[in-house]
N, C-alpha and C. Protein backbone atom coordinates (compact mmCIF):
# COMPACT_ATOMS: atom_id res chain seq x y z
N UNK A 1 -7.84 -39.85 -30.63
CA UNK A 1 -7.50 -41.27 -30.43
C UNK A 1 -7.56 -41.66 -28.78
N UNK A 2 -8.52 -41.97 -28.32
CA UNK A 2 -8.81 -42.25 -27.07
C UNK A 2 -8.36 -41.19 -26.09
N UNK A 3 -8.65 -40.08 -26.36
CA UNK A 3 -8.20 -38.72 -25.55
C UNK A 3 -6.99 -38.70 -24.90
N UNK A 4 -5.88 -39.48 -25.41
CA UNK A 4 -4.36 -39.37 -25.16
C UNK A 4 -4.16 -38.00 -25.10
N UNK A 5 -4.27 -37.09 -26.20
CA UNK A 5 -3.55 -35.87 -26.24
C UNK A 5 -4.53 -34.65 -25.86
N UNK A 6 -5.54 -35.27 -25.16
CA UNK A 6 -6.63 -34.18 -24.58
C UNK A 6 -7.14 -33.20 -25.63
N UNK A 7 -8.23 -32.45 -24.83
CA UNK A 7 -9.09 -31.86 -25.93
C UNK A 7 -8.26 -30.20 -26.31
N UNK A 8 -8.29 -29.59 -27.39
CA UNK A 8 -7.74 -28.86 -27.87
C UNK A 8 -8.12 -27.21 -26.81
N UNK A 9 -7.29 -26.81 -26.44
CA UNK A 9 -7.53 -25.54 -25.68
C UNK A 9 -8.23 -24.37 -26.41
N UNK A 10 -8.86 -23.44 -25.87
CA UNK A 10 -9.44 -22.57 -26.72
C UNK A 10 -8.18 -21.16 -26.84
N UNK A 11 -8.49 -20.50 -27.69
CA UNK A 11 -7.42 -19.36 -28.14
C UNK A 11 -7.18 -18.38 -27.07
N UNK A 12 -6.14 -18.02 -26.84
CA UNK A 12 -5.95 -17.07 -25.86
C UNK A 12 -6.22 -15.33 -26.76
N UNK A 13 -6.71 -14.65 -25.82
CA UNK A 13 -7.29 -13.32 -26.41
C UNK A 13 -6.13 -12.75 -26.79
N UNK A 14 -6.17 -11.99 -28.01
CA UNK A 14 -5.48 -11.40 -28.69
C UNK A 14 -4.68 -10.11 -27.65
N UNK A 15 -3.72 -9.62 -28.13
CA UNK A 15 -2.80 -8.49 -27.51
C UNK A 15 -3.50 -7.36 -27.33
N UNK A 16 -4.72 -6.88 -28.52
CA UNK A 16 -5.24 -5.68 -28.18
C UNK A 16 -6.35 -6.08 -27.49
N UNK A 17 -7.10 -7.20 -27.46
CA UNK A 17 -8.43 -7.63 -26.39
C UNK A 17 -7.85 -7.21 -25.02
N UNK A 18 -6.86 -7.94 -24.52
CA UNK A 18 -6.07 -7.78 -23.23
C UNK A 18 -6.14 -6.18 -22.92
N UNK A 19 -5.34 -5.27 -23.85
CA UNK A 19 -5.28 -3.81 -23.89
C UNK A 19 -6.35 -3.36 -23.65
N UNK A 20 -7.64 -3.63 -24.43
CA UNK A 20 -8.88 -2.94 -24.27
C UNK A 20 -9.38 -3.27 -23.10
N UNK A 21 -9.60 -4.75 -22.51
CA UNK A 21 -9.77 -5.03 -21.02
C UNK A 21 -9.18 -4.20 -19.86
N UNK A 22 -7.80 -4.05 -19.97
CA UNK A 22 -7.24 -3.46 -18.88
C UNK A 22 -7.51 -2.05 -18.83
N UNK A 23 -7.84 -1.30 -20.17
CA UNK A 23 -8.27 0.04 -20.00
C UNK A 23 -9.75 0.25 -19.35
N UNK A 24 -10.60 -0.90 -19.92
CA UNK A 24 -11.79 -0.89 -19.42
C UNK A 24 -11.93 -0.96 -17.67
N UNK A 25 -10.83 -1.97 -17.31
CA UNK A 25 -10.88 -2.17 -15.86
C UNK A 25 -10.27 -0.92 -15.27
N UNK A 26 -9.19 -0.09 -15.79
CA UNK A 26 -8.64 0.93 -15.44
C UNK A 26 -9.74 2.18 -15.13
N UNK A 27 -10.32 2.13 -16.08
CA UNK A 27 -11.43 3.53 -16.24
C UNK A 27 -12.52 3.14 -15.07
N UNK A 28 -12.79 1.89 -14.80
CA UNK A 28 -13.58 1.36 -13.85
C UNK A 28 -13.41 1.60 -12.71
N UNK A 29 -12.10 1.35 -12.24
CA UNK A 29 -11.76 1.36 -10.95
C UNK A 29 -11.63 3.14 -10.53
N UNK A 30 -10.93 3.86 -11.56
CA UNK A 30 -10.93 5.44 -11.39
C UNK A 30 -12.26 5.81 -10.78
N UNK A 31 -13.11 5.41 -11.87
CA UNK A 31 -14.62 5.85 -11.57
C UNK A 31 -15.26 5.40 -9.90
N UNK A 32 -14.99 4.25 -9.39
CA UNK A 32 -15.21 3.83 -8.29
C UNK A 32 -14.31 4.57 -7.08
N UNK A 33 -13.33 4.65 -7.42
CA UNK A 33 -12.17 5.44 -6.30
C UNK A 33 -12.39 6.82 -6.41
N UNK A 34 -12.39 7.40 -7.50
CA UNK A 34 -13.02 8.82 -7.75
C UNK A 34 -11.45 9.37 -7.60
N UNK A 35 -11.36 10.64 -8.65
CA UNK A 35 -10.35 11.25 -8.89
C UNK A 35 -9.59 11.86 -7.80
N UNK A 36 -10.55 12.67 -6.88
CA UNK A 36 -9.57 13.31 -5.54
C UNK A 36 -8.92 12.31 -4.59
N UNK A 37 -9.57 11.06 -4.70
CA UNK A 37 -9.11 10.05 -3.69
C UNK A 37 -7.50 9.52 -4.78
N UNK A 38 -7.25 9.38 -5.90
CA UNK A 38 -6.09 8.95 -6.79
C UNK A 38 -5.28 10.13 -6.29
N UNK A 39 -5.73 11.26 -6.58
CA UNK A 39 -4.95 12.41 -6.39
C UNK A 39 -4.08 12.53 -4.72
N UNK A 40 -5.13 12.31 -3.88
CA UNK A 40 -4.43 11.85 -2.58
C UNK A 40 -3.57 11.20 -2.58
N UNK A 41 -3.71 9.89 -3.17
CA UNK A 41 -2.88 9.08 -2.81
C UNK A 41 -1.32 9.30 -3.86
N UNK A 42 -1.68 9.93 -5.11
CA UNK A 42 -0.31 10.17 -5.50
C UNK A 42 0.26 11.20 -4.49
N UNK A 43 -0.24 12.24 -3.92
CA UNK A 43 0.76 13.16 -3.23
C UNK A 43 1.24 12.57 -2.32
N UNK A 44 0.45 11.71 -1.27
CA UNK A 44 1.42 10.99 -0.15
C UNK A 44 2.32 10.07 -0.54
N UNK A 45 2.13 9.66 -1.55
CA UNK A 45 3.44 8.49 -2.17
C UNK A 45 4.32 9.36 -2.67
N UNK A 46 4.39 10.38 -3.22
CA UNK A 46 5.15 11.46 -3.74
C UNK A 46 5.76 12.08 -2.36
N UNK A 47 5.24 12.51 -1.42
CA UNK A 47 5.59 12.85 0.01
C UNK A 47 6.36 11.56 0.69
N UNK A 48 6.03 10.67 0.67
CA UNK A 48 7.12 9.76 1.05
C UNK A 48 8.35 9.52 0.28
N UNK A 49 8.26 9.67 -0.89
CA UNK A 49 9.49 9.69 -1.55
C UNK A 49 10.59 10.77 -1.27
N UNK A 50 10.02 11.92 -0.57
CA UNK A 50 11.05 13.24 -0.23
C UNK A 50 11.95 12.12 0.71
N UNK A 51 13.23 12.59 0.65
CA UNK A 51 14.27 12.01 1.49
C UNK A 51 14.06 12.79 3.08
N UNK A 52 13.67 13.73 2.97
CA UNK A 52 13.51 14.85 4.13
C UNK A 52 12.23 14.23 5.43
N UNK A 53 11.28 13.54 4.46
CA UNK A 53 9.97 13.33 5.15
C UNK A 53 10.10 12.26 6.10
N UNK A 54 9.65 12.24 7.48
CA UNK A 54 9.60 11.46 8.34
C UNK A 54 8.24 11.34 8.87
N UNK A 55 7.81 9.93 9.12
CA UNK A 55 6.18 9.63 9.46
C UNK A 55 6.21 10.19 10.82
N UNK A 56 5.06 10.34 11.55
CA UNK A 56 4.92 10.46 12.80
C UNK A 56 5.63 9.49 13.72
N UNK A 57 5.51 8.21 13.26
CA UNK A 57 6.32 7.11 14.03
C UNK A 57 7.64 7.04 14.15
N UNK A 58 8.21 7.51 13.17
CA UNK A 58 9.47 7.71 13.01
C UNK A 58 10.31 8.88 14.20
N UNK A 59 9.16 9.96 14.00
CA UNK A 59 9.29 11.27 14.87
C UNK A 59 9.18 11.15 16.47
N UNK A 60 8.22 9.76 16.49
CA UNK A 60 8.06 9.66 18.22
C UNK A 60 9.10 8.86 18.47
N UNK A 61 9.49 7.60 17.68
CA UNK A 61 10.90 7.03 18.21
C UNK A 61 12.12 7.82 18.38
N UNK A 62 12.28 8.84 17.44
CA UNK A 62 13.64 9.45 17.60
C UNK A 62 13.27 10.32 19.06
N UNK A 63 12.26 10.60 19.03
CA UNK A 63 12.13 11.72 20.57
C UNK A 63 12.33 10.96 21.73
N UNK A 64 11.55 9.63 21.48
CA UNK A 64 11.87 8.53 22.78
C UNK A 64 13.35 8.39 23.14
N UNK A 65 14.24 8.11 21.69
CA UNK A 65 15.57 7.62 22.09
C UNK A 65 16.26 8.97 22.59
N UNK A 66 15.73 10.03 22.24
CA UNK A 66 16.66 11.39 22.74
C UNK A 66 16.21 11.71 24.31
N UNK A 67 15.03 11.11 24.92
CA UNK A 67 14.66 11.46 26.28
C UNK A 67 15.29 10.70 27.24
N UNK A 68 15.65 11.38 28.21
CA UNK A 68 16.25 10.38 29.48
C UNK A 68 15.69 9.28 29.80
N UNK A 69 16.51 8.02 29.94
CA UNK A 69 16.18 6.70 30.11
C UNK A 69 15.43 6.05 31.15
N UNK A 70 15.81 6.90 32.34
CA UNK A 70 15.19 6.78 33.46
C UNK A 70 13.61 7.30 33.56
N UNK A 71 13.41 8.70 32.84
CA UNK A 71 11.99 8.99 32.52
C UNK A 71 11.19 8.14 32.09
N UNK A 72 11.76 7.58 30.66
CA UNK A 72 10.95 6.53 29.84
C UNK A 72 10.64 5.33 30.44
N UNK A 73 11.61 5.02 31.52
CA UNK A 73 11.36 3.79 32.38
C UNK A 73 10.16 4.12 33.22
N UNK A 74 10.30 5.23 33.79
CA UNK A 74 9.30 5.51 34.90
C UNK A 74 8.06 5.52 33.95
N UNK A 75 7.71 6.06 33.09
CA UNK A 75 6.64 6.04 32.52
C UNK A 75 5.91 4.90 31.88
N UNK A 76 6.93 4.10 31.22
CA UNK A 76 6.45 2.73 31.07
C UNK A 76 6.11 1.60 32.52
N UNK A 77 6.86 1.90 33.53
CA UNK A 77 5.88 1.20 34.89
C UNK A 77 4.64 1.84 35.12
N UNK A 78 4.72 3.10 35.06
CA UNK A 78 3.19 3.45 35.01
C UNK A 78 1.84 2.93 34.21
N UNK A 79 2.62 3.13 33.22
CA UNK A 79 1.67 2.65 32.05
C UNK A 79 1.33 1.11 32.15
N UNK A 80 2.30 0.25 32.69
CA UNK A 80 1.91 -1.35 32.89
C UNK A 80 1.13 -1.42 34.08
N UNK A 81 1.45 -0.64 35.34
CA UNK A 81 0.57 -0.76 36.31
C UNK A 81 -0.76 -0.38 36.23
N UNK A 82 -1.30 0.52 35.12
CA UNK A 82 -2.46 0.95 34.68
C UNK A 82 -3.47 -0.19 34.17
N UNK A 83 -2.49 -1.23 33.67
CA UNK A 83 -3.45 -2.12 33.05
C UNK A 83 -3.56 -3.34 33.74
């Protein structure tokens, strides 16, 4: 009646249809990425979860913190003069 209530919306896909679509998308993504890359990413993530793991950046920051402050300042001055 005069369009007051709007048009009826299409039905939502069923749970099974959504699961099937998600599985198809996952299989397609696995095929595109490759099993080797997925395994490498999983290994890298597992390595990061290790409490003893320190990235190269963290190691470099720690090394700089432990250096003589005058030595660090001299190197920074030389670096800034080169630019």
